[in-house]
Every structure is written in structure tokens, then in C-alpha cells.
């Protein structure tokens, strides 16, 4: 079961736009794969709002 309020990466096209959008540095790219550090994320939603292809999504 996934907890409510987690942001997940869906359909990342590796554009790199997420590199500097998170004020908490919760978005990490490891070997070209984007991951969200849930320990750092404060759910400000800035990352979710910036991507038109909905690569990042809030799980409800």
C-alpha cells in the first residue's frame, strides 16, 4: 500500500527541467533516472505543476 501524498515519476523523458525546480532538493537523478526523495519532499507541488507531460504525479 502506498501512502497518500507521495509524488512519483511517471513517463520521465529525461529533459532535465527538474534539476533545479525543487527548493528542498528532493528530486534526484541517478544514472539518468529521476527519483523523488520522500524524506526531503514537503509536497510544495512545484515539480508537479511545471511539467506539461505530467511526468511527476501526486499519488492520492
Protein backbone atom coordinates (compact mmCIF):
# COMPACT_ATOMS: atom_id res chain seq x y z
CA UNK A 1 0.00 0.00 0.00
CA UNK A 2 1.31 3.46 -0.95
CA UNK A 3 0.84 6.31 1.48
CA UNK A 4 -1.20 9.30 0.36
CA UNK A 5 0.85 12.31 -0.59
CA UNK A 6 3.78 10.68 -2.34
CA UNK A 7 4.98 12.17 -5.60
CA UNK A 8 6.00 9.59 -8.16
CA UNK A 9 7.77 9.74 -11.51
CA UNK A 10 5.70 8.55 -14.47
CA UNK A 11 6.90 8.87 -18.05
CA UNK A 12 10.08 10.86 -17.44
CA UNK A 13 11.67 11.83 -20.75
CA UNK A 14 14.96 12.92 -19.10
CA UNK A 15 14.59 16.57 -20.19
CA UNK A 16 16.44 17.85 -17.09
CA UNK A 17 13.84 20.51 -16.19
CA UNK A 18 13.54 19.06 -12.71
CA UNK A 19 17.19 19.58 -11.81
CA UNK A 20 16.66 22.96 -10.15
CA UNK A 21 12.91 23.24 -9.55
CA UNK A 22 12.77 21.71 -6.04
CA UNK A 23 13.72 24.08 -3.19
CA UNK A 24 14.29 21.07 -0.90
CA UNK A 25 16.49 19.21 -3.45
CA UNK A 26 14.13 16.23 -3.18
CA UNK A 27 14.40 15.42 -6.89
CA UNK A 28 17.44 13.30 -7.66
CA UNK A 29 18.71 11.94 -10.96
CA UNK A 30 20.76 8.81 -10.57
CA UNK A 31 22.19 7.26 -13.73
CA UNK A 32 19.70 9.33 -15.74
CA UNK A 33 16.70 8.09 -13.75
CA UNK A 34 14.66 10.65 -11.82
CA UNK A 35 13.70 9.76 -8.28
CA UNK A 36 11.88 11.62 -5.52
CA UNK A 37 13.39 11.59 -2.03
CA UNK A 38 10.26 11.35 0.11
CA UNK A 39 12.29 12.20 3.21
CA UNK A 40 13.16 15.62 1.74
CA UNK A 41 9.91 16.36 -0.13
CA UNK A 42 7.48 18.75 1.59
CA UNK A 43 4.76 18.41 -1.11
CA UNK A 44 5.02 22.02 -2.32
CA UNK A 45 3.81 20.71 -5.73
CA UNK A 46 6.16 22.95 -7.73
CA UNK A 47 7.57 19.96 -9.59
CA UNK A 48 4.14 18.56 -10.43
CA UNK A 49 2.87 21.89 -11.78
CA UNK A 50 5.87 22.64 -14.02
CA UNK A 51 5.68 19.55 -16.25
CA UNK A 52 3.08 19.60 -19.05
CA UNK A 53 3.53 15.88 -19.81
CA UNK A 54 2.62 15.00 -16.20
CA UNK A 55 5.90 13.19 -15.63
CA UNK A 56 5.52 13.76 -11.89
CA UNK A 57 2.26 12.96 -10.19
CA UNK A 58 0.86 13.18 -6.66
CA UNK A 59 -0.49 9.81 -5.57
CA UNK A 60 -3.75 10.13 -3.71
